[in-house]
Amino acid sequence: MQIIQPHYHAIARTAQDYERMAMSGVVAVAEPAFWAGFDRLYPETFIDYFHQISEFEPTRAAEYGIKHYCWVAVNPKEAENPELSREVLKHMPEFYKKPTVLGVGEIGFHKTTKNEEEIFEAQVEQAIKYDQLILIHTPHLQDKVRGTKRTLEVLSHMNVNPERVWIDHVEEHTIREPLEAGYWVGFTLYPITKCTPKRAVDMLEMYGHERILVNSSADWGPSDPFTLQECVVQYRARGYSVQDAIEVFHNNPARFLGQNPKFDIKPVRLETIEENSENLVQN
């Protein structure tokens, strides 16, 4: 079956990961801007990074028949430097014109500080101004509930369309409120700090699959892009059909990301081909 990997930090992964993903049905990946493992000091380093993920990385993926898309943003960890962040924001609109850039992300909170909130709001405002999709990071476990609650409070006072906003890294204790508010949510299959494939399938059974995305994140930390395929297997093992799995792991990302016309992969449906056995024998 075809799979879309909607949150994947390809810059931190090897060519062999692309090859294995292609062999297991992945047709597209989307790469949000993220922390480099250290705090960048200059706007130019962000700009070079945006060029890398919007220009070079698509060529690497294309070698394996995979389409690569990306997002641009100042990630929450580096939003603690508002002066630097605002300089980077001045350059982001030039990237919205690129054929593989889908929107602003990932943005949001790391430790839910005043500076993080200031830059979060500034990036949401820019996304609204330029009609971009929005991808929001929610904090790790120690601050996830507070950070998710504050995210929803901030968004509630802004002129956002929830259908164009994806709140990622939700878990059992943070999924209900974003869904009830009309946002898309994401489960991140990350072995230590986020969610497991089994827990993701549990939540799919509890909440259904509408407005839910599943991703592996897969960066330079302890992670594995193939937790997504593991999740597909666990979902099918509970009796769901191939078409059910396609709805979750291909069609939902196609629906959300496809709100930006640059993302041209459409939802798909399996059909049985009825063939006339007599004609087959004659031919």
C-alpha atoms as a PDB file:
ATOM      1  CA  MET A   1       0.000   0.000   0.000  1.00  0.00           C
ATOM      2  CA  GLN A   2       1.026   3.616  -0.499  1.00  0.00           C
ATOM      3  CA  ILE A   3       2.128   5.639   2.542  1.00  0.00           C
ATOM      4  CA  ILE A   4       2.811   9.339   3.103  1.00  0.00           C
ATOM      5  CA  GLN A   5       5.301  10.204   5.857  1.00  0.00           C
ATOM      6  CA  PRO A   6       4.011  13.658   6.927  1.00  0.00           C
ATOM      7  CA  HIS A   7       6.692  14.561   9.512  1.00  0.00           C
ATOM      8  CA  TYR A   8      10.196  13.387   8.685  1.00  0.00           C
ATOM      9  CA  HIS A   9      13.542  15.087   9.352  1.00  0.00           C
ATOM     10  CA  ALA A  10      15.321  13.813   6.262  1.00  0.00           C
ATOM     11  CA  ILE A  11      18.350  16.037   6.774  1.00  0.00           C
ATOM     12  CA  ALA A  12      19.277  13.792   9.719  1.00  0.00           C
ATOM     13  CA  ARG A  13      18.737  10.493   7.898  1.00  0.00           C
ATOM     14  CA  THR A  14      20.690   8.414   5.399  1.00  0.00           C
ATOM     15  CA  ALA A  15      20.034   7.596   1.754  1.00  0.00           C
ATOM     16  CA  GLN A  16      19.428   4.010   2.855  1.00  0.00           C
ATOM     17  CA  ASP A  17      16.386   5.207   4.793  1.00  0.00           C
ATOM     18  CA  TYR A  18      14.957   6.692   1.596  1.00  0.00           C
ATOM     19  CA  GLU A  19      15.632   3.430  -0.229  1.00  0.00           C
ATOM     20  CA  ARG A  20      13.960   1.307   2.447  1.00  0.00           C
ATOM     21  CA  MET A  21      11.000   3.679   2.666  1.00  0.00           C
ATOM     22  CA  ALA A  22      10.515   3.496  -1.107  1.00  0.00           C
ATOM     23  CA  MET A  23      10.615  -0.306  -0.901  1.00  0.00           C
ATOM     24  CA  SER A  24       7.904  -0.246   1.784  1.00  0.00           C
ATOM     25  CA  GLY A  25       5.437   1.987  -0.064  1.00  0.00           C
ATOM     26  CA  VAL A  26       6.340   5.548   0.949  1.00  0.00           C
ATOM     27  CA  VAL A  27       5.564   7.928  -1.926  1.00  0.00           C
ATOM     28  CA  ALA A  28       6.130  11.283  -0.203  1.00  0.00           C
ATOM     29  CA  VAL A  29       7.669  12.865   2.891  1.00  0.00           C
ATOM     30  CA  ALA A  30       7.208  16.319   4.409  1.00  0.00           C
ATOM     31  CA  GLU A  31      10.081  17.816   6.407  1.00  0.00           C
ATOM     32  CA  PRO A  32       9.389  20.500   9.035  1.00  0.00           C
ATOM     33  CA  ALA A  33      12.120  22.922  10.070  1.00  0.00           C
ATOM     34  CA  PHE A  34      13.608  21.805  13.384  1.00  0.00           C
ATOM     35  CA  TRP A  35      16.380  22.273  15.907  1.00  0.00           C
ATOM     36  CA  ALA A  36      19.877  21.412  14.698  1.00  0.00           C
ATOM     37  CA  GLY A  37      20.998  20.020  18.062  1.00  0.00           C
ATOM     38  CA  PHE A  38      22.526  23.382  18.959  1.00  0.00           C
ATOM     39  CA  ASP A  39      21.267  26.957  18.936  1.00  0.00           C
ATOM     40  CA  ARG A  40      22.068  28.741  15.693  1.00  0.00           C
ATOM     41  CA  LEU A  41      23.596  32.203  16.122  1.00  0.00           C
ATOM     42  CA  TYR A  42      22.933  33.951  12.820  1.00  0.00           C
ATOM     43  CA  PRO A  43      19.938  34.435  10.491  1.00  0.00           C
ATOM     44  CA  GLU A  44      22.072  33.260   7.595  1.00  0.00           C
ATOM     45  CA  THR A  45      22.422  29.789   9.091  1.00  0.00           C
ATOM     46  CA  PHE A  46      18.624  29.425   9.089  1.00  0.00           C
ATOM     47  CA  ILE A  47      18.454  30.681   5.511  1.00  0.00           C
ATOM     48  CA  ASP A  48      21.065  28.172   4.356  1.00  0.00           C
ATOM     49  CA  TYR A  49      19.131  25.437   6.155  1.00  0.00           C
ATOM     50  CA  PHE A  50      15.874  26.461   4.436  1.00  0.00           C
ATOM     51  CA  HIS A  51      17.660  26.303   1.075  1.00  0.00           C
ATOM     52  CA  GLN A  52      18.940  22.830   1.902  1.00  0.00           C
ATOM     53  CA  ILE A  53      15.554  21.340   2.780  1.00  0.00           C
ATOM     54  CA  SER A  54      13.673  23.126  -0.010  1.00  0.00           C
ATOM     55  CA  GLU A  55      16.189  22.645  -2.840  1.00  0.00           C
ATOM     56  CA  PHE A  56      18.720  19.879  -2.184  1.00  0.00           C
ATOM     57  CA  GLU A  57      16.717  17.377  -0.139  1.00  0.00           C
ATOM     58  CA  PRO A  58      14.030  16.940  -2.864  1.00  0.00           C
ATOM     59  CA  THR A  59      16.755  15.785  -5.268  1.00  0.00           C
ATOM     60  CA  ARG A  60      17.964  13.180  -2.769  1.00  0.00           C
ATOM     61  CA  ALA A  61      14.454  11.804  -2.274  1.00  0.00           C
ATOM     62  CA  ALA A  62      13.739  11.803  -6.007  1.00  0.00           C
ATOM     63  CA  GLU A  63      16.534   9.282  -6.568  1.00  0.00           C
ATOM     64  CA  TYR A  64      14.242   6.757  -4.860  1.00  0.00           C
ATOM     65  CA  GLY A  65      10.973   7.891  -6.441  1.00  0.00           C
ATOM     66  CA  ILE A  66       9.849   9.780  -3.318  1.00  0.00           C
ATOM     67  CA  LYS A  67       8.467  13.313  -3.407  1.00  0.00           C
ATOM     68  CA  HIS A  68       9.958  15.602  -0.754  1.00  0.00           C
ATOM     69  CA  TYR A  69       8.166  18.649   0.653  1.00  0.00           C
ATOM     70  CA  CYS A  70       9.115  20.908   3.547  1.00  0.00           C
ATOM     71  CA  TRP A  71       8.107  23.661   5.946  1.00  0.00           C
ATOM     72  CA  VAL A  72      10.058  26.710   7.125  1.00  0.00           C
ATOM     73  CA  ALA A  73      10.033  28.203  10.625  1.00  0.00           C
ATOM     74  CA  VAL A  74      11.954  29.187  13.713  1.00  0.00           C
ATOM     75  CA  ASN A  75      11.590  26.122  15.894  1.00  0.00           C
ATOM     76  CA  PRO A  76      10.378  26.524  19.512  1.00  0.00           C
ATOM     77  CA  LYS A  77      13.773  25.783  21.088  1.00  0.00           C
ATOM     78  CA  GLU A  78      15.379  28.716  19.282  1.00  0.00           C
ATOM     79  CA  ALA A  79      12.454  31.086  19.772  1.00  0.00           C
ATOM     80  CA  GLU A  80      14.002  32.090  23.105  1.00  0.00           C
ATOM     81  CA  ASN A  81      16.045  34.587  21.065  1.00  0.00           C
ATOM     82  CA  PRO A  82      13.359  36.998  19.766  1.00  0.00           C
ATOM     83  CA  GLU A  83      15.797  39.333  18.032  1.00  0.00           C
ATOM     84  CA  LEU A  84      17.316  36.521  15.987  1.00  0.00           C
ATOM     85  CA  SER A  85      13.893  34.981  15.371  1.00  0.00           C
ATOM     86  CA  ARG A  86      12.440  38.183  13.943  1.00  0.00           C
ATOM     87  CA  GLU A  87      15.387  38.536  11.571  1.00  0.00           C
ATOM     88  CA  VAL A  88      14.712  35.014  10.307  1.00  0.00           C
ATOM     89  CA  LEU A  89      11.006  35.764   9.909  1.00  0.00           C
ATOM     90  CA  LYS A  90      11.864  38.598   7.525  1.00  0.00           C
ATOM     91  CA  HIS A  91      13.331  36.072   5.094  1.00  0.00           C
ATOM     92  CA  MET A  92      10.726  33.320   5.357  1.00  0.00           C
ATOM     93  CA  PRO A  93       8.218  34.743   2.801  1.00  0.00           C
ATOM     94  CA  GLU A  94      10.706  34.286  -0.046  1.00  0.00           C
ATOM     95  CA  PHE A  95      10.569  30.533   0.610  1.00  0.00           C
ATOM     96  CA  TYR A  96       6.768  30.333   0.402  1.00  0.00           C
ATOM     97  CA  LYS A  97       7.192  30.780  -3.364  1.00  0.00           C
ATOM     98  CA  LYS A  98       9.279  27.627  -3.722  1.00  0.00           C
ATOM     99  CA  PRO A  99       7.527  24.638  -5.281  1.00  0.00           C
ATOM    100  CA  THR A 100       8.066  22.259  -2.356  1.00  0.00           C
ATOM    101  CA  VAL A 101       7.367  24.553   0.649  1.00  0.00           C
ATOM    102  CA  LEU A 102       3.973  23.816   2.227  1.00  0.00           C
ATOM    103  CA  GLY A 103       3.766  26.264   5.130  1.00  0.00           C
ATOM    104  CA  VAL A 104       5.049  27.424   8.503  1.00  0.00           C
ATOM    105  CA  GLY A 105       6.247  24.752  10.891  1.00  0.00           C
ATOM    106  CA  GLU A 106       7.100  23.404  13.214  1.00  0.00           C
ATOM    107  CA  ILE A 107       6.309  26.252  15.601  1.00  0.00           C
ATOM    108  CA  GLY A 108       4.874  26.443  19.110  1.00  0.00           C
ATOM    109  CA  PHE A 109       6.217  25.827  22.583  1.00  0.00           C
ATOM    110  CA  HIS A 110       9.207  24.051  24.092  1.00  0.00           C
ATOM    111  CA  LYS A 111       9.056  25.303  27.691  1.00  0.00           C
ATOM    112  CA  THR A 112       6.012  27.580  27.281  1.00  0.00           C
ATOM    113  CA  THR A 113       7.862  30.830  27.947  1.00  0.00           C
ATOM    114  CA  LYS A 114       6.977  34.433  27.161  1.00  0.00           C
ATOM    115  CA  ASN A 115       9.567  34.652  24.384  1.00  0.00           C
ATOM    116  CA  GLU A 116       8.362  31.421  22.810  1.00  0.00           C
ATOM    117  CA  GLU A 117       4.796  32.727  22.843  1.00  0.00           C
ATOM    118  CA  GLU A 118       5.828  36.016  21.226  1.00  0.00           C
ATOM    119  CA  ILE A 119       7.528  34.256  18.316  1.00  0.00           C
ATOM    120  CA  PHE A 120       4.771  31.643  18.065  1.00  0.00           C
ATOM    121  CA  GLU A 121       2.193  34.410  17.586  1.00  0.00           C
ATOM    122  CA  ALA A 122       4.403  36.226  15.080  1.00  0.00           C
ATOM    123  CA  GLN A 123       4.765  33.087  12.966  1.00  0.00           C
ATOM    124  CA  VAL A 124       1.043  32.314  13.074  1.00  0.00           C
ATOM    125  CA  GLU A 125       0.329  35.886  11.980  1.00  0.00           C
ATOM    126  CA  GLN A 126       2.752  35.529   9.084  1.00  0.00           C
ATOM    127  CA  ALA A 127       1.197  32.211   8.057  1.00  0.00           C
ATOM    128  CA  ILE A 128      -2.247  33.843   8.008  1.00  0.00           C
ATOM    129  CA  LYS A 129      -0.957  36.818   6.004  1.00  0.00           C
ATOM    130  CA  TYR A 130       0.614  34.571   3.351  1.00  0.00           C
ATOM    131  CA  ASP A 131      -2.135  31.921   3.434  1.00  0.00           C
ATOM    132  CA  GLN A 132       0.185  29.127   4.585  1.00  0.00           C
ATOM    133  CA  LEU A 133      -0.583  25.866   6.345  1.00  0.00           C
ATOM    134  CA  ILE A 134       0.537  25.706   9.995  1.00  0.00           C
ATOM    135  CA  LEU A 135       2.288  22.844  11.805  1.00  0.00           C
ATOM    136  CA  ILE A 136       2.532  23.158  15.596  1.00  0.00           C
ATOM    137  CA  HIS A 137       4.928  21.344  17.907  1.00  0.00           C
ATOM    138  CA  THR A 138       3.678  20.573  21.407  1.00  0.00           C
ATOM    139  CA  PRO A 139       6.205  20.163  24.251  1.00  0.00           C
ATOM    140  CA  HIS A 140       7.703  16.981  25.593  1.00  0.00           C
ATOM    141  CA  LEU A 141       6.112  15.115  28.481  1.00  0.00           C
ATOM    142  CA  GLN A 142       7.160  17.378  31.338  1.00  0.00           C
ATOM    143  CA  ASP A 143       5.277  20.369  29.860  1.00  0.00           C
ATOM    144  CA  LYS A 144       2.923  18.796  27.341  1.00  0.00           C
ATOM    145  CA  VAL A 145      -0.389  19.474  29.081  1.00  0.00           C
ATOM    146  CA  ARG A 146       0.414  23.093  29.937  1.00  0.00           C
ATOM    147  CA  GLY A 147       1.959  23.749  26.526  1.00  0.00           C
ATOM    148  CA  THR A 148      -0.955  22.235  24.625  1.00  0.00           C
ATOM    149  CA  LYS A 149      -3.476  24.196  26.689  1.00  0.00           C
ATOM    150  CA  ARG A 150      -1.584  27.452  26.087  1.00  0.00           C
ATOM    151  CA  THR A 151      -1.321  26.659  22.367  1.00  0.00           C
ATOM    152  CA  LEU A 152      -5.101  26.408  22.124  1.00  0.00           C
ATOM    153  CA  GLU A 153      -5.552  29.599  24.158  1.00  0.00           C
ATOM    154  CA  VAL A 154      -3.227  31.554  21.865  1.00  0.00           C
ATOM    155  CA  LEU A 155      -4.882  30.235  18.709  1.00  0.00           C
ATOM    156  CA  SER A 156      -8.350  31.006  20.033  1.00  0.00           C
ATOM    157  CA  HIS A 157      -7.544  34.723  19.928  1.00  0.00           C
ATOM    158  CA  MET A 158      -6.172  34.616  16.385  1.00  0.00           C
ATOM    159  CA  ASN A 159      -7.932  34.488  13.038  1.00  0.00           C
ATOM    160  CA  VAL A 160      -6.896  30.939  12.156  1.00  0.00           C
ATOM    161  CA  ASN A 161      -8.861  28.331  10.261  1.00  0.00           C
ATOM    162  CA  PRO A 162      -8.526  25.132  12.363  1.00  0.00           C
ATOM    163  CA  GLU A 163      -8.807  22.999   9.218  1.00  0.00           C
ATOM    164  CA  ARG A 164      -5.449  24.431   8.086  1.00  0.00           C
ATOM    165  CA  VAL A 165      -3.662  23.851  11.412  1.00  0.00           C
ATOM    166  CA  TRP A 166      -2.008  20.590  12.484  1.00  0.00           C
ATOM    167  CA  ILE A 167      -1.164  20.216  16.191  1.00  0.00           C
ATOM    168  CA  ASP A 168       1.452  17.499  16.437  1.00  0.00           C
ATOM    169  CA  HIS A 169       2.804  15.150  19.123  1.00  0.00           C
ATOM    170  CA  VAL A 170      -0.561  14.748  20.878  1.00  0.00           C
ATOM    171  CA  GLU A 171      -0.983  11.863  23.292  1.00  0.00           C
ATOM    172  CA  GLU A 172      -3.788  10.291  25.294  1.00  0.00           C
ATOM    173  CA  HIS A 173      -3.989  13.212  27.712  1.00  0.00           C
ATOM    174  CA  THR A 174      -3.859  15.983  25.076  1.00  0.00           C
ATOM    175  CA  ILE A 175      -5.774  14.708  22.032  1.00  0.00           C
ATOM    176  CA  ARG A 176      -9.374  15.514  22.916  1.00  0.00           C
ATOM    177  CA  GLU A 177      -9.262  19.312  23.171  1.00  0.00           C
ATOM    178  CA  PRO A 178      -7.559  20.011  19.797  1.00  0.00           C
ATOM    179  CA  LEU A 179      -9.885  17.591  18.000  1.00  0.00           C
ATOM    180  CA  GLU A 180     -12.968  19.110  19.609  1.00  0.00           C
ATOM    181  CA  ALA A 181     -11.751  22.571  18.563  1.00  0.00           C
ATOM    182  CA  GLY A 182     -11.611  21.431  14.924  1.00  0.00           C
ATOM    183  CA  TYR A 183      -7.841  21.138  14.465  1.00  0.00           C
ATOM    184  CA  TRP A 184      -5.933  18.320  12.819  1.00  0.00           C
ATOM    185  CA  VAL A 185      -3.763  16.354  15.260  1.00  0.00           C
ATOM    186  CA  GLY A 186      -0.718  14.153  14.856  1.00  0.00           C
ATOM    187  CA  PHE A 187       0.649  11.084  16.642  1.00  0.00           C
ATOM    188  CA  THR A 188       4.451  10.945  16.601  1.00  0.00           C
ATOM    189  CA  LEU A 189       5.915   7.449  16.863  1.00  0.00           C
ATOM    190  CA  TYR A 190       9.063   8.163  18.814  1.00  0.00           C
ATOM    191  CA  PRO A 191      10.530   5.444  21.029  1.00  0.00           C
ATOM    192  CA  ILE A 192      11.383   7.466  24.138  1.00  0.00           C
ATOM    193  CA  THR A 193       9.582  10.786  24.537  1.00  0.00           C
ATOM    194  CA  LYS A 194       6.397  10.499  22.506  1.00  0.00           C
ATOM    195  CA  CYS A 195       4.134   7.659  21.331  1.00  0.00           C
ATOM    196  CA  THR A 196       4.395   3.964  20.445  1.00  0.00           C
ATOM    197  CA  PRO A 197       2.663   2.298  17.461  1.00  0.00           C
ATOM    198  CA  LYS A 198       0.409   0.332  19.823  1.00  0.00           C
ATOM    199  CA  ARG A 199      -0.712   3.465  21.681  1.00  0.00           C
ATOM    200  CA  ALA A 200      -1.328   5.221  18.370  1.00  0.00           C
ATOM    201  CA  VAL A 201      -3.609   2.409  17.213  1.00  0.00           C
ATOM    202  CA  ASP A 202      -5.389   2.482  20.594  1.00  0.00           C
ATOM    203  CA  MET A 203      -6.127   6.188  20.065  1.00  0.00           C
ATOM    204  CA  LEU A 204      -7.295   5.587  16.498  1.00  0.00           C
ATOM    205  CA  GLU A 205      -9.772   3.056  17.866  1.00  0.00           C
ATOM    206  CA  MET A 206     -10.955   5.488  20.542  1.00  0.00           C
ATOM    207  CA  TYR A 207     -11.254   8.634  18.389  1.00  0.00           C
ATOM    208  CA  GLY A 208     -11.632   7.364  14.819  1.00  0.00           C
ATOM    209  CA  HIS A 209      -9.370   8.513  12.008  1.00  0.00           C
ATOM    210  CA  GLU A 210     -10.844  11.866  10.925  1.00  0.00           C
ATOM    211  CA  ARG A 211      -8.344  14.763  11.115  1.00  0.00           C
ATOM    212  CA  ILE A 212      -5.609  12.476  12.482  1.00  0.00           C
ATOM    213  CA  LEU A 213      -2.098  12.128  11.028  1.00  0.00           C
ATOM    214  CA  VAL A 214       0.479   9.524  12.041  1.00  0.00           C
ATOM    215  CA  ASN A 215       4.204  10.121  11.607  1.00  0.00           C
ATOM    216  CA  SER A 216       7.558   8.852  12.857  1.00  0.00           C
ATOM    217  CA  SER A 217       9.367  12.240  13.084  1.00  0.00           C
ATOM    218  CA  ALA A 218      12.671  10.349  12.605  1.00  0.00           C
ATOM    219  CA  ASP A 219      15.535  12.735  13.330  1.00  0.00           C
ATOM    220  CA  TRP A 220      19.101  12.481  14.649  1.00  0.00           C
ATOM    221  CA  GLY A 221      17.920  11.171  18.060  1.00  0.00           C
ATOM    222  CA  PRO A 222      16.889   7.592  18.940  1.00  0.00           C
ATOM    223  CA  SER A 223      14.231   7.177  16.254  1.00  0.00           C
ATOM    224  CA  ASP A 224      13.223   4.975  13.350  1.00  0.00           C
ATOM    225  CA  PRO A 225      11.198   5.973  10.253  1.00  0.00           C
ATOM    226  CA  PHE A 226       9.834   2.435  10.098  1.00  0.00           C
ATOM    227  CA  THR A 227       7.790   2.783  13.259  1.00  0.00           C
ATOM    228  CA  LEU A 228       5.212   4.117  10.790  1.00  0.00           C
ATOM    229  CA  GLN A 229       5.140   0.798   8.919  1.00  0.00           C
ATOM    230  CA  GLU A 230       5.028  -0.996  12.277  1.00  0.00           C
ATOM    231  CA  CYS A 231       1.938   1.058  13.099  1.00  0.00           C
ATOM    232  CA  VAL A 232       0.345   0.031   9.786  1.00  0.00           C
ATOM    233  CA  VAL A 233       0.941  -3.635  10.649  1.00  0.00           C
ATOM    234  CA  GLN A 234      -0.554  -3.250  14.130  1.00  0.00           C
ATOM    235  CA  TYR A 235      -3.569  -1.413  12.694  1.00  0.00           C
ATOM    236  CA  ARG A 236      -4.187  -4.189  10.151  1.00  0.00           C
ATOM    237  CA  ALA A 237      -3.695  -6.866  12.828  1.00  0.00           C
ATOM    238  CA  ARG A 238      -6.742  -5.508  14.648  1.00  0.00           C
ATOM    239  CA  GLY A 239      -8.949  -6.353  11.698  1.00  0.00           C
ATOM    240  CA  TYR A 240      -8.895  -3.143   9.688  1.00  0.00           C
ATOM    241  CA  SER A 241      -8.827  -3.456   5.915  1.00  0.00           C
ATOM    242  CA  VAL A 242      -6.138  -2.253   3.561  1.00  0.00           C
ATOM    243  CA  GLN A 243      -8.458   0.587   2.526  1.00  0.00           C
ATOM    244  CA  ASP A 244      -8.913   1.549   6.189  1.00  0.00           C
ATOM    245  CA  ALA A 245      -5.122   1.726   6.529  1.00  0.00           C
ATOM    246  CA  ILE A 246      -4.826   3.758   3.331  1.00  0.00           C
ATOM    247  CA  GLU A 247      -7.304   6.272   4.775  1.00  0.00           C
ATOM    248  CA  VAL A 248      -5.103   6.819   7.845  1.00  0.00           C
ATOM    249  CA  PHE A 249      -1.583   6.525   6.448  1.00  0.00           C
ATOM    250  CA  HIS A 250      -2.008   7.961   2.948  1.00  0.00           C
ATOM    251  CA  ASN A 251      -5.303   9.744   2.427  1.00  0.00           C
ATOM    252  CA  ASN A 252      -5.350  11.793   5.622  1.00  0.00           C
ATOM    253  CA  PRO A 253      -1.916  13.336   4.918  1.00  0.00           C
ATOM    254  CA  ALA A 254      -2.993  13.885   1.304  1.00  0.00           C
ATOM    255  CA  ARG A 255      -6.121  15.701   2.502  1.00  0.00           C
ATOM    256  CA  PHE A 256      -4.369  17.968   4.992  1.00  0.00           C
ATOM    257  CA  LEU A 257      -1.220  18.735   2.991  1.00  0.00           C
ATOM    258  CA  GLY A 258      -3.247  18.942  -0.225  1.00  0.00           C
ATOM    259  CA  GLN A 259      -4.862  22.130   1.048  1.00  0.00           C
ATOM    260  CA  ASN A 260      -1.687  23.637  -0.371  1.00  0.00           C
ATOM    261  CA  PRO A 261      -1.997  23.020  -4.138  1.00  0.00           C
ATOM    262  CA  LYS A 262       1.756  22.361  -4.371  1.00  0.00           C
ATOM    263  CA  PHE A 263       1.093  19.001  -2.712  1.00  0.00           C
ATOM    264  CA  ASP A 264      -0.426  17.172  -5.678  1.00  0.00           C
ATOM    265  CA  ILE A 265      -0.783  13.633  -4.300  1.00  0.00           C
ATOM    266  CA  LYS A 266      -4.496  12.822  -4.078  1.00  0.00           C
ATOM    267  CA  PRO A 267      -6.394  10.374  -1.854  1.00  0.00           C
ATOM    268  CA  VAL A 268      -6.646   6.896  -3.380  1.00  0.00           C
ATOM    269  CA  ARG A 269      -9.130   4.036  -3.229  1.00  0.00           C
ATOM    270  CA  LEU A 270      -8.673   0.326  -3.913  1.00  0.00           C
ATOM    271  CA  GLU A 271     -10.950  -1.152  -6.558  1.00  0.00           C
ATOM    272  CA  THR A 272     -11.463  -4.723  -7.694  1.00  0.00           C
ATOM    273  CA  ILE A 273     -11.020  -5.277 -11.430  1.00  0.00           C
ATOM    274  CA  GLU A 274     -13.636  -7.645 -12.799  1.00  0.00           C
ATOM    275  CA  GLU A 275     -12.154  -9.545 -15.745  1.00  0.00           C
ATOM    276  CA  ASN A 276     -13.925 -11.875 -18.105  1.00  0.00           C
ATOM    277  CA  SER A 277     -12.179 -15.240 -17.820  1.00  0.00           C
ATOM    278  CA  GLU A 278     -13.270 -16.298 -21.342  1.00  0.00           C
ATOM    279  CA  ASN A 279     -11.677 -13.204 -22.862  1.00  0.00           C
ATOM    280  CA  LEU A 280      -8.507 -13.853 -20.883  1.00  0.00           C
ATOM    281  CA  VAL A 281      -8.284 -17.398 -22.282  1.00  0.00           C
ATOM    282  CA  GLN A 282      -8.904 -16.209 -25.867  1.00  0.00           C
ATOM    283  CA  ASN A 283      -6.249 -13.508 -25.572  1.00  0.00           C
END
